[in-house]
């Protein structure tokens, strides 16, 4: 099943760029008229050519009607909508600094959120039991996603979805994607699930307590309470059942775990600790991976991947198939870890045991781009530097780490950036690019 992530999470916060995967981008639409330049004296401001927007709306109206949208529905939802410069500003902004994983988890699985989640489990026990029986997804996982997406329904966003998507379809970075979502939003209204004025959400179009995009809403929303509407704004039964329906249809394994914190043996090859490397649990067992208490992880043929969100200095997680389902909801490994951790705490499980390297400072966007540039210069190709530290950059960084004799975890740090700067400077003055290892440097045992 091919689809973009749900894109939810008003409370997911800014995830660490070096850890996120790329969403499945929809093809771009034909170029729309660009926003007018900022007026003199309005540095950084965005103004919009209203006539150009009205032209876009007229052209899009034809597309919507061809897609089966009734005229009265279109006029009710989009007839008087005006573009919002604030949304364009948000769309064009790039995060300068990434959030550290420990700061993210401190919020995602905070004591306050855990306490509120337990209250929701108790207050909705009958509904949760029914959804668990019907879908095979445990209630703690459902409540954890609910908690991260909308703080249990208390924060669903403030932007009118038609205003937001129309603005993005007119002049956003992914216009074709926004138009597709906009037609889906119109279909939600047309089928009677919601009215245009109730369709509020994030600036990027995520809706309701589930923070589903409109296409996801159309495909996976469920009328669990039987009132004839799929209401993801006010109905807790519809909300929880819709989350469960999405997870199941995305490959959820009933009764299965998302993963757990584990320990690695001395001398472990950190190059194996990457989300792209999936091995049977039996193989991880052979490689010496054990539970925190030292017991065996088992010899199941089920596959898992090691995840070191803070490099070798932080906790290690063995993630399973259900973790990958979390990423179908929101394509961020930090989000998946946040959901799994919160769900475990709601079950009464222990917090993460290993300590985080809280003294590490996440790299800024400029620093991440510089790191990629330096790797290229030293002969560790990553492609065009863009500040997004994906699989290619992690692989190149691992090769560099091996060369200088430090654990090859692929995790970018300020210390590594400084080493790259020094090696690049030496290469500039002494000839061919080389990486130098410190005397006696070796991976920790």
Protein backbone atom coordinates (compact mmCIF):
# COMPACT_ATOMS: atom_id res chain seq x y z
CA UNK A 1 0.00 0.00 0.00
CA UNK A 2 1.64 3.19 -1.17
CA UNK A 3 0.70 6.43 0.53
CA UNK A 4 2.32 9.37 2.22
CA UNK A 5 2.43 9.45 6.00
CA UNK A 6 -0.59 10.88 7.76
CA UNK A 7 1.53 13.95 8.53
CA UNK A 8 0.02 14.42 11.95
CA UNK A 9 1.26 15.75 15.20
CA UNK A 10 0.76 19.30 16.30
CA UNK A 11 2.64 18.20 19.40
CA UNK A 12 5.19 16.12 17.56
CA UNK A 13 7.35 19.27 17.53
CA UNK A 14 10.35 19.83 15.30
CA UNK A 15 12.04 16.45 14.81
CA UNK A 16 15.76 16.04 14.41
CA UNK A 17 16.51 16.40 10.73
CA UNK A 18 19.28 13.84 10.82
CA UNK A 19 16.77 11.18 11.85
CA UNK A 20 13.74 11.75 9.69
CA UNK A 21 12.92 9.95 6.46
CA UNK A 22 11.61 11.64 3.34
CA UNK A 23 7.86 11.60 2.86
CA UNK A 24 6.48 10.28 -0.42
CA UNK A 25 6.20 13.55 -2.29
CA UNK A 26 3.36 13.98 -4.72
CA UNK A 27 4.36 15.24 -8.18
CA UNK A 28 4.32 19.02 -8.40
CA UNK A 29 1.47 20.75 -10.19
CA UNK A 30 1.94 23.21 -13.03
CA UNK A 31 3.57 26.35 -11.79
CA UNK A 32 1.15 28.80 -10.20
CA UNK A 33 1.75 32.55 -10.12
CA UNK A 34 4.32 33.35 -7.48
CA UNK A 35 3.67 35.48 -4.46
CA UNK A 36 4.44 39.11 -5.08
CA UNK A 37 7.79 40.37 -3.74
CA UNK A 38 7.76 41.94 -0.32
CA UNK A 39 7.07 45.67 -0.43
CA UNK A 40 9.92 48.02 0.30
CA UNK A 41 10.44 48.18 4.02
CA UNK A 42 8.71 44.87 4.62
CA UNK A 43 11.80 42.67 4.86
CA UNK A 44 10.82 39.01 5.08
CA UNK A 45 7.11 39.70 4.61
CA UNK A 46 5.04 37.86 2.02
CA UNK A 47 2.32 39.59 0.05
CA UNK A 48 -0.02 37.89 -2.41
CA UNK A 49 -1.39 39.02 -5.75
CA UNK A 50 -5.15 38.65 -5.19
CA UNK A 51 -5.94 38.70 -8.91
CA UNK A 52 -3.51 35.83 -9.47
CA UNK A 53 -5.12 33.88 -6.62
CA UNK A 54 -8.59 34.44 -8.06
CA UNK A 55 -7.32 33.12 -11.39
CA UNK A 56 -5.97 30.02 -9.64
CA UNK A 57 -9.31 29.52 -7.86
CA UNK A 58 -11.22 29.71 -11.15
CA UNK A 59 -8.93 27.10 -12.73
CA UNK A 60 -9.09 24.86 -9.67
CA UNK A 61 -12.89 25.12 -9.59
CA UNK A 62 -12.97 23.45 -12.97
CA UNK A 63 -10.73 20.63 -11.71
CA UNK A 64 -12.92 20.15 -8.63
CA UNK A 65 -16.13 19.97 -10.65
CA UNK A 66 -14.50 17.50 -13.01
CA UNK A 67 -13.63 15.42 -9.93
CA UNK A 68 -17.31 15.26 -8.96
CA UNK A 69 -17.52 18.11 -6.48
CA UNK A 70 -20.89 19.88 -6.53
CA UNK A 71 -20.94 23.60 -7.24
CA UNK A 72 -22.66 24.45 -3.97
CA UNK A 73 -20.06 22.51 -2.00
CA UNK A 74 -17.21 24.28 -3.76
CA UNK A 75 -18.74 27.71 -3.20
CA UNK A 76 -19.47 27.01 0.46
CA UNK A 77 -15.90 25.88 1.13
CA UNK A 78 -13.79 27.95 -1.25
CA UNK A 79 -15.97 30.69 -2.72
CA UNK A 80 -14.83 33.34 -0.25
CA UNK A 81 -11.51 31.91 0.92
CA UNK A 82 -8.52 34.26 0.76
CA UNK A 83 -4.86 33.17 0.77
CA UNK A 84 -2.99 33.42 4.04
CA UNK A 85 0.56 34.88 3.88
CA UNK A 86 1.37 33.37 7.29
CA UNK A 87 0.89 29.88 5.84
CA UNK A 88 3.27 30.64 2.95
CA UNK A 89 5.79 31.94 5.46
CA UNK A 90 5.57 28.69 7.43
CA UNK A 91 5.82 26.62 4.26
CA UNK A 92 8.96 28.40 3.10
CA UNK A 93 10.73 28.43 6.45
CA UNK A 94 13.49 25.91 7.07
CA UNK A 95 14.32 24.82 10.62
CA UNK A 96 17.67 26.28 11.55
CA UNK A 97 18.36 23.90 14.40
CA UNK A 98 17.13 20.38 15.03
CA UNK A 99 15.66 19.24 18.31
CA UNK A 100 17.63 16.78 20.39
CA UNK A 101 15.95 13.40 20.84
CA UNK A 102 15.98 13.68 24.63
CA UNK A 103 14.22 17.04 24.54
CA UNK A 104 11.62 15.61 22.16
CA UNK A 105 10.96 12.60 24.41
CA UNK A 106 10.88 14.76 27.55
CA UNK A 107 7.78 16.35 26.02
CA UNK A 108 6.28 13.43 24.10
CA UNK A 109 6.35 11.09 27.10
CA UNK A 110 6.22 13.65 29.90
CA UNK A 111 4.71 12.69 33.28
CA UNK A 112 1.82 15.07 32.55
CA UNK A 113 1.06 13.38 29.22
CA UNK A 114 1.32 9.93 30.80
CA UNK A 115 -1.06 10.92 33.59
CA UNK A 116 -3.55 12.39 31.11
CA UNK A 117 -3.30 9.24 29.00
CA UNK A 118 -4.10 7.01 31.95
CA UNK A 119 -7.15 9.16 32.66
CA UNK A 120 -8.26 8.68 29.05
CA UNK A 121 -7.77 4.91 29.31
CA UNK A 122 -9.99 4.82 32.37
CA UNK A 123 -12.62 7.25 31.10
CA UNK A 124 -12.99 5.50 27.73
CA UNK A 125 -12.50 1.92 28.87
CA UNK A 126 -15.59 0.49 27.14
CA UNK A 127 -14.84 2.20 23.82
CA UNK A 128 -11.20 1.12 23.94
CA UNK A 129 -12.13 -2.48 24.74
CA UNK A 130 -14.46 -2.60 21.74
CA UNK A 131 -11.89 -1.08 19.37
CA UNK A 132 -9.24 -3.49 20.65
CA UNK A 133 -11.56 -6.42 19.96
CA UNK A 134 -12.61 -5.18 16.52
CA UNK A 135 -9.16 -4.19 15.23
CA UNK A 136 -6.55 -6.05 17.27
CA UNK A 137 -4.63 -2.91 18.24
CA UNK A 138 -3.94 -2.46 21.94
CA UNK A 139 -5.52 0.53 23.62
CA UNK A 140 -2.27 1.91 25.01
CA UNK A 141 -0.89 2.32 21.51
CA UNK A 142 -4.09 4.01 20.33
CA UNK A 143 -4.08 6.43 23.25
CA UNK A 144 -0.38 7.16 22.77
CA UNK A 145 -0.94 8.20 19.16
CA UNK A 146 -3.98 10.22 20.20
CA UNK A 147 -1.84 11.92 22.84
CA UNK A 148 0.97 12.87 20.48
CA UNK A 149 -1.26 13.95 17.62
CA UNK A 150 -3.64 16.29 19.43
CA UNK A 151 -2.92 16.05 23.15
CA UNK A 152 -5.95 13.78 23.50
CA UNK A 153 -8.14 16.01 21.37
CA UNK A 154 -7.40 19.29 23.14
CA UNK A 155 -5.26 20.81 20.37
CA UNK A 156 -6.41 20.19 16.80
CA UNK A 157 -5.09 23.33 15.12
CA UNK A 158 -6.43 26.77 14.37
CA UNK A 159 -6.25 27.09 10.59
CA UNK A 160 -9.22 26.64 8.32
CA UNK A 161 -8.17 23.69 6.17
CA UNK A 162 -9.63 25.15 2.99
CA UNK A 163 -7.79 28.42 3.51
CA UNK A 164 -4.56 26.58 4.26
CA UNK A 165 -4.67 24.09 1.41
CA UNK A 166 -5.85 26.70 -1.08
CA UNK A 167 -2.91 28.90 -0.12
CA UNK A 168 -0.48 26.01 -0.53
CA UNK A 169 -2.07 24.87 -3.79
CA UNK A 170 -1.76 28.42 -5.15
CA UNK A 171 1.88 29.03 -4.20
CA UNK A 172 3.27 26.36 -1.89
CA UNK A 173 6.26 24.11 -2.42
CA UNK A 174 4.07 21.09 -3.29
CA UNK A 175 1.15 22.49 -5.23
CA UNK A 176 -0.01 19.24 -6.81
CA UNK A 177 -0.03 17.56 -3.42
CA UNK A 178 -2.03 20.43 -1.91
CA UNK A 179 -4.61 20.33 -4.74
CA UNK A 180 -5.09 16.59 -4.22
CA UNK A 181 -5.67 17.15 -0.51
CA UNK A 182 -7.99 20.07 -1.22
CA UNK A 183 -10.25 17.94 -3.43
CA UNK A 184 -10.28 15.27 -0.72
CA UNK A 185 -11.31 17.92 1.84
CA UNK A 186 -14.17 18.95 -0.44
CA UNK A 187 -15.27 15.31 -0.66
CA UNK A 188 -15.33 15.07 3.14
CA UNK A 189 -17.80 17.97 3.19
CA UNK A 190 -19.80 16.62 0.26
CA UNK A 191 -20.37 13.25 1.90
CA UNK A 192 -21.66 14.97 5.04
CA UNK A 193 -18.87 14.08 7.47
CA UNK A 194 -18.07 17.71 8.26
CA UNK A 195 -19.00 21.29 7.37
CA UNK A 196 -16.46 23.77 5.96
CA UNK A 197 -16.39 25.90 9.11
CA UNK A 198 -15.53 22.89 11.30
CA UNK A 199 -12.63 21.85 9.09
CA UNK A 200 -9.77 23.31 11.12
CA UNK A 201 -6.34 21.87 11.62
CA UNK A 202 -2.64 22.49 11.16
CA UNK A 203 -1.34 25.04 8.67
CA UNK A 204 -0.39 22.11 6.38
CA UNK A 205 -3.89 20.60 6.35
CA UNK A 206 -3.85 17.91 9.04
CA UNK A 207 -7.32 17.50 10.56
CA UNK A 208 -8.99 16.72 13.83
CA UNK A 209 -7.95 14.65 16.82
CA UNK A 210 -6.14 12.18 14.57
CA UNK A 211 -4.40 14.87 12.52
CA UNK A 212 -5.21 12.94 9.34
CA UNK A 213 -4.61 14.59 6.01
CA UNK A 214 -7.87 14.81 4.03
CA UNK A 215 -6.93 11.89 1.72
CA UNK A 216 -6.20 9.77 4.79
CA UNK A 217 -9.45 10.91 6.39
CA UNK A 218 -11.40 9.80 3.32
CA UNK A 219 -9.72 6.41 3.20
CA UNK A 220 -9.41 5.39 6.85
CA UNK A 221 -11.86 7.36 9.00
CA UNK A 222 -14.51 5.19 10.68
CA UNK A 223 -18.01 5.91 11.99
CA UNK A 224 -17.55 3.92 15.19
CA UNK A 225 -20.37 5.56 17.16
CA UNK A 226 -22.92 4.86 14.41
CA UNK A 227 -24.30 8.38 14.01
CA UNK A 228 -23.83 8.37 10.24
CA UNK A 229 -20.82 10.70 10.27
CA UNK A 230 -17.13 10.03 10.53
CA UNK A 231 -16.39 12.71 13.10
CA UNK A 232 -12.73 13.08 14.02
CA UNK A 233 -13.30 16.36 15.85
CA UNK A 234 -15.78 15.53 18.60
CA UNK A 235 -16.20 11.75 18.62
CA UNK A 236 -13.71 9.76 20.71
CA UNK A 237 -15.02 6.40 19.37
CA UNK A 238 -14.58 7.57 15.76
CA UNK A 239 -11.13 8.95 16.59
CA UNK A 240 -9.75 5.80 18.23
CA UNK A 241 -11.31 3.41 15.71
CA UNK A 242 -9.95 5.48 12.83
CA UNK A 243 -6.43 5.35 14.27
CA UNK A 244 -6.80 1.59 14.68
CA UNK A 245 -8.16 1.18 11.16
CA UNK A 246 -5.19 3.08 9.73
CA UNK A 247 -2.68 1.00 11.69
CA UNK A 248 -4.24 -2.33 10.72
CA UNK A 249 -4.43 -1.43 7.03
CA UNK A 250 -0.82 -0.27 7.20
CA UNK A 251 0.38 -3.69 8.34
CA UNK A 252 -0.06 -3.72 12.12
CA UNK A 253 0.70 -7.09 13.73
CA UNK A 254 -1.81 -7.75 16.52
CA UNK A 255 -0.13 -8.71 19.77
CA UNK A 256 3.24 -7.62 18.47
CA UNK A 257 5.58 -5.14 20.08
CA UNK A 258 7.01 -2.03 18.43
CA UNK A 259 10.42 -2.93 19.88
CA UNK A 260 12.42 -2.45 23.06
CA UNK A 261 15.60 -1.04 24.53
CA UNK A 262 18.50 -3.49 24.26
CA UNK A 263 22.23 -3.85 24.99
CA UNK A 264 25.03 -4.45 22.50
CA UNK A 265 28.11 -6.59 23.11
CA UNK A 266 31.63 -5.20 23.41
CA UNK A 267 33.20 -4.55 20.05
CA UNK A 268 29.88 -4.44 18.21
CA UNK A 269 30.01 -3.20 14.62
CA UNK A 270 28.01 0.02 14.80
CA UNK A 271 27.71 0.07 11.03
CA UNK A 272 24.94 -2.53 11.52
CA UNK A 273 22.93 -0.09 13.61
CA UNK A 274 20.93 1.58 10.88
CA UNK A 275 17.18 1.60 10.09
CA UNK A 276 17.94 0.31 6.60
CA UNK A 277 19.53 -2.89 7.93
CA UNK A 278 16.87 -5.38 8.96
CA UNK A 279 17.86 -8.85 10.18
CA UNK A 280 15.96 -11.76 11.74
CA UNK A 281 15.95 -11.63 15.53
CA UNK A 282 17.81 -14.92 15.45
CA UNK A 283 20.67 -13.17 13.65
CA UNK A 284 20.72 -10.29 16.12
CA UNK A 285 20.84 -12.92 18.85
CA UNK A 286 23.90 -14.48 17.19
CA UNK A 287 25.53 -11.05 17.04
CA UNK A 288 25.18 -10.71 20.82
CA UNK A 289 22.24 -8.30 21.11
CA UNK A 290 20.43 -8.95 24.41
CA UNK A 291 17.63 -7.52 26.51
CA UNK A 292 18.54 -4.97 29.16
CA UNK A 293 18.51 -7.64 31.84
CA UNK A 294 20.91 -9.75 29.81
CA UNK A 295 18.33 -12.30 28.72
CA UNK A 296 17.94 -13.49 25.14
CA UNK A 297 15.90 -11.54 22.60
CA UNK A 298 14.85 -14.91 21.18
CA UNK A 299 15.47 -16.60 17.88
CA UNK A 300 12.39 -15.51 15.95
CA UNK A 301 12.55 -15.24 12.16
CA UNK A 302 10.79 -11.86 12.50
CA UNK A 303 13.02 -9.03 11.37
CA UNK A 304 14.17 -6.02 13.33
CA UNK A 305 16.52 -3.06 13.00
CA UNK A 306 18.76 -1.37 15.53
CA UNK A 307 18.07 2.30 16.18
CA UNK A 308 20.59 4.54 17.95
CA UNK A 309 18.85 7.95 17.99
CA UNK A 310 21.78 9.61 19.79
CA UNK A 311 24.61 7.53 18.39
CA UNK A 312 26.69 5.03 20.35
CA UNK A 313 26.69 7.27 23.44
CA UNK A 314 22.92 6.89 23.97
CA UNK A 315 20.26 4.17 24.31
CA UNK A 316 19.92 1.38 21.75
CA UNK A 317 16.55 0.13 20.50
CA UNK A 318 15.65 -2.96 18.53
CA UNK A 319 12.67 -1.90 16.42
CA UNK A 320 10.20 -4.38 14.90
CA UNK A 321 7.55 -4.33 12.18
CA UNK A 322 5.01 -2.37 14.22
CA UNK A 323 7.54 0.45 14.60
CA UNK A 324 7.55 0.76 10.82
CA UNK A 325 3.76 1.11 10.93
CA UNK A 326 4.19 4.13 13.22
CA UNK A 327 6.28 5.67 10.45
CA UNK A 328 3.40 5.24 8.02
CA UNK A 329 1.44 7.52 10.32
CA UNK A 330 4.23 10.09 10.68
CA UNK A 331 7.48 9.47 8.82
CA UNK A 332 9.83 10.36 11.64
CA UNK A 333 11.82 7.86 13.67
CA UNK A 334 11.58 10.20 16.66
CA UNK A 335 7.81 10.15 16.35
CA UNK A 336 7.86 6.34 16.28
CA UNK A 337 10.06 6.27 19.37
CA UNK A 338 7.81 8.80 21.08
CA UNK A 339 4.68 6.73 20.45
CA UNK A 340 6.36 3.50 21.53
CA UNK A 341 7.80 5.05 24.68
CA UNK A 342 4.52 6.69 25.70
CA UNK A 343 2.58 3.47 25.06
CA UNK A 344 5.04 1.51 27.21
CA UNK A 345 4.70 4.00 30.06
CA UNK A 346 0.90 3.82 29.80
CA UNK A 347 1.26 0.03 30.24
CA UNK A 348 3.20 0.63 33.44
CA UNK A 349 6.53 -0.21 31.87
CA UNK A 350 9.85 1.34 32.92
CA UNK A 351 11.27 4.50 31.40
CA UNK A 352 14.25 4.37 29.06
CA UNK A 353 17.19 3.13 31.12
CA UNK A 354 20.34 4.22 29.34
CA UNK A 355 21.36 7.83 29.75
CA UNK A 356 21.26 10.39 26.95
CA UNK A 357 24.34 12.44 25.96
CA UNK A 358 22.62 15.65 26.95
CA UNK A 359 25.82 17.64 26.62
CA UNK A 360 25.74 17.10 22.84
CA UNK A 361 24.44 20.06 20.86
CA UNK A 362 22.44 19.31 17.71
CA UNK A 363 23.98 20.74 14.56
CA UNK A 364 22.38 23.75 12.94
CA UNK A 365 21.17 23.61 9.35
CA UNK A 366 24.29 25.46 8.20
CA UNK A 367 26.49 23.07 10.13
CA UNK A 368 24.76 20.01 8.70
CA UNK A 369 25.24 21.39 5.20
CA UNK A 370 28.88 22.14 5.95
CA UNK A 371 29.41 18.62 7.25
CA UNK A 372 28.10 17.20 3.98
CA UNK A 373 30.28 19.59 1.97
CA UNK A 374 33.39 18.54 3.90
CA UNK A 375 32.61 14.84 3.47
CA UNK A 376 32.40 15.41 -0.27
CA UNK A 377 35.71 17.28 -0.26
CA UNK A 378 37.45 14.50 1.67
CA UNK A 379 36.28 11.82 -0.74
CA UNK A 380 33.21 10.53 1.10
CA UNK A 381 30.45 11.41 -1.40
CA UNK A 382 27.02 12.37 -0.13
CA UNK A 383 25.65 14.16 -3.20
CA UNK A 384 24.45 17.75 -3.18
CA UNK A 385 24.63 19.16 0.37
CA UNK A 386 21.14 19.98 1.65
CA UNK A 387 21.40 19.72 5.43
CA UNK A 388 19.26 16.56 5.51
CA UNK A 389 21.36 13.78 7.01
CA UNK A 390 19.75 10.75 5.41
CA UNK A 391 21.03 7.26 4.62
CA UNK A 392 23.62 8.47 2.10
CA UNK A 393 25.16 10.94 4.52
CA UNK A 394 25.10 8.42 7.38
CA UNK A 395 26.93 5.92 5.19
CA UNK A 396 29.57 8.45 4.18
CA UNK A 397 29.99 9.57 7.77
CA UNK A 398 30.44 5.95 8.87
CA UNK A 399 33.21 5.50 6.32
CA UNK A 400 34.90 8.61 7.67
CA UNK A 401 34.48 7.43 11.27
CA UNK A 402 36.08 4.09 10.41
CA UNK A 403 39.01 5.93 8.84
CA UNK A 404 39.66 8.00 11.96
CA UNK A 405 39.13 5.09 14.32
CA UNK A 406 35.95 6.05 16.19
CA UNK A 407 32.67 4.10 16.49
CA UNK A 408 31.02 4.15 13.06
CA UNK A 409 27.50 4.99 14.23
CA UNK A 410 26.81 7.54 11.47
CA UNK A 411 25.71 10.10 14.06
CA UNK A 412 26.70 13.70 13.30
CA UNK A 413 28.15 15.68 16.21
CA UNK A 414 29.92 18.99 16.73
CA UNK A 415 33.10 17.05 17.51
CA UNK A 416 32.96 15.21 14.19
CA UNK A 417 32.31 18.43 12.32
CA UNK A 418 35.40 19.96 13.90
CA UNK A 419 37.46 16.90 12.91
CA UNK A 420 36.20 17.21 9.35
CA UNK A 421 37.14 20.89 9.28
CA UNK A 422 40.66 20.11 10.48
CA UNK A 423 41.14 17.27 8.00
CA UNK A 424 39.81 19.36 5.13
CA UNK A 425 42.17 22.21 6.07
CA UNK A 426 45.12 19.82 6.11
CA UNK A 427 44.09 18.38 2.77
CA UNK A 428 43.98 21.86 1.27
CA UNK A 429 47.54 22.63 2.32
CA UNK A 430 49.18 19.23 1.97
CA UNK A 431 47.65 17.69 -1.14
CA UNK A 432 45.28 14.68 -1.43
CA UNK A 433 42.42 14.52 1.04
CA UNK A 434 43.15 12.32 4.03
CA UNK A 435 41.47 11.69 7.34
CA UNK A 436 43.68 11.52 10.39
CA UNK A 437 43.05 9.32 13.40
CA UNK A 438 44.00 10.40 16.90
CA UNK A 439 46.70 8.38 18.58
CA UNK A 440 45.25 5.33 20.24
CA UNK A 441 41.71 6.02 19.01
CA UNK A 442 39.49 2.95 19.07
CA UNK A 443 35.83 2.08 19.64
CA UNK A 444 34.80 1.64 23.29
CA UNK A 445 34.61 -1.91 24.59
